[in-house]
C-alpha cells in the first residue's frame, strides 16, 4: 500500500523511449470506486511561460507498468496524453 504523497515523490519515466517526464503533481480519483484513475505530470515548458497555456500529461492508471522506490514506469505515446492545463 502507498500514499498519494509517496507517488508525488517519484519520477515518471516512459519505457518506450526512456524519456523522463517529470514528477507527479496531482492524481484523479474515482471516489465511487475508491481508485486512482490517472496521474498528472506537468508537460514541457514553454518559452518563459509566456506563450500559450501550460501543458500536462494525463496518464491513465492502466498505462503504469511498475511503481518502484524512486520511479514510476509508464508505457504511453506522449502525444496522446499531452493536454492543456485546466
Protein backbone atom coordinates (compact mmCIF):
# COMPACT_ATOMS: atom_id res chain seq x y z
CA UNK A 1 0.00 0.00 0.00
CA UNK A 2 1.16 3.55 -0.67
CA UNK A 3 0.02 7.11 -0.10
CA UNK A 4 -0.58 9.78 -2.71
CA UNK A 5 2.26 11.77 -1.15
CA UNK A 6 4.58 8.84 -1.91
CA UNK A 7 3.54 8.85 -5.59
CA UNK A 8 4.30 12.57 -5.87
CA UNK A 9 7.92 11.93 -4.82
CA UNK A 10 8.61 9.58 -7.75
CA UNK A 11 9.90 10.44 -11.21
CA UNK A 12 7.79 9.28 -14.17
CA UNK A 13 9.71 7.54 -16.97
CA UNK A 14 8.30 6.37 -20.30
CA UNK A 15 9.70 2.91 -21.07
CA UNK A 16 9.05 3.27 -24.81
CA UNK A 17 11.88 5.77 -25.31
CA UNK A 18 13.36 6.20 -21.82
CA UNK A 19 12.24 9.83 -21.57
CA UNK A 20 11.85 11.40 -18.15
CA UNK A 21 8.55 13.25 -17.98
CA UNK A 22 8.96 14.71 -14.52
CA UNK A 23 7.28 14.19 -11.16
CA UNK A 24 3.61 13.56 -10.42
CA UNK A 25 1.88 16.83 -9.49
CA UNK A 26 -1.66 15.51 -8.99
CA UNK A 27 -3.91 12.46 -9.27
CA UNK A 28 -7.51 11.92 -10.34
CA UNK A 29 -9.59 9.67 -8.13
CA UNK A 30 -12.91 7.94 -8.79
CA UNK A 31 -14.50 8.44 -5.37
CA UNK A 32 -17.32 5.97 -6.02
CA UNK A 33 -14.89 3.13 -6.72
CA UNK A 34 -12.12 4.42 -4.44
CA UNK A 35 -9.49 4.10 -7.19
CA UNK A 36 -6.93 6.36 -8.80
CA UNK A 37 -7.94 6.80 -12.46
CA UNK A 38 -4.89 8.72 -13.70
CA UNK A 39 -1.81 10.60 -12.65
CA UNK A 40 -0.95 14.11 -13.83
CA UNK A 41 2.58 15.23 -14.68
CA UNK A 42 3.48 18.78 -15.79
CA UNK A 43 4.22 18.92 -19.51
CA UNK A 44 7.09 20.53 -21.38
CA UNK A 45 7.73 24.16 -20.52
CA UNK A 46 7.03 26.94 -22.95
CA UNK A 47 9.46 29.80 -23.52
CA UNK A 48 9.38 31.67 -20.21
CA UNK A 49 5.76 30.53 -19.75
CA UNK A 50 4.58 33.47 -21.84
CA UNK A 51 3.21 31.82 -24.97
CA UNK A 52 0.03 29.76 -24.69
CA UNK A 53 -1.35 27.64 -21.90
CA UNK A 54 0.65 25.26 -19.78
CA UNK A 55 0.56 21.63 -20.82
CA UNK A 56 0.32 18.47 -18.72
CA UNK A 57 0.40 14.72 -19.23
CA UNK A 58 -2.80 12.91 -18.19
CA UNK A 59 -1.61 9.34 -17.76
CA UNK A 60 -4.27 6.63 -17.31
CA UNK A 61 -3.65 4.31 -14.37
CA UNK A 62 -3.67 1.25 -16.64
CA UNK A 63 -0.62 2.65 -18.51
CA UNK A 64 1.51 2.39 -15.37
CA UNK A 65 3.70 -0.69 -15.68
CA UNK A 66 5.67 -0.55 -12.44
CA UNK A 67 5.90 1.62 -9.34
CA UNK A 68 9.37 1.36 -7.83
CA UNK A 69 11.10 3.03 -4.91
CA UNK A 70 12.29 6.01 -6.96
CA UNK A 71 10.35 5.95 -10.22
CA UNK A 72 7.07 5.14 -11.92
CA UNK A 73 7.47 3.35 -15.25
CA UNK A 74 4.77 4.02 -17.83
CA UNK A 75 4.16 2.97 -21.41
CA UNK A 76 2.45 5.73 -23.39
CA UNK A 77 2.52 7.66 -26.62
CA UNK A 78 3.31 11.07 -25.11
CA UNK A 79 1.38 12.99 -27.76
CA UNK A 80 -1.84 11.12 -26.90
CA UNK A 81 -1.59 12.06 -23.21
CA UNK A 82 -0.47 15.70 -23.54
CA UNK A 83 -3.29 18.20 -22.85
CA UNK A 84 -3.69 21.86 -21.94
CA UNK A 85 -3.95 22.52 -18.21
CA UNK A 86 -7.37 23.41 -16.90
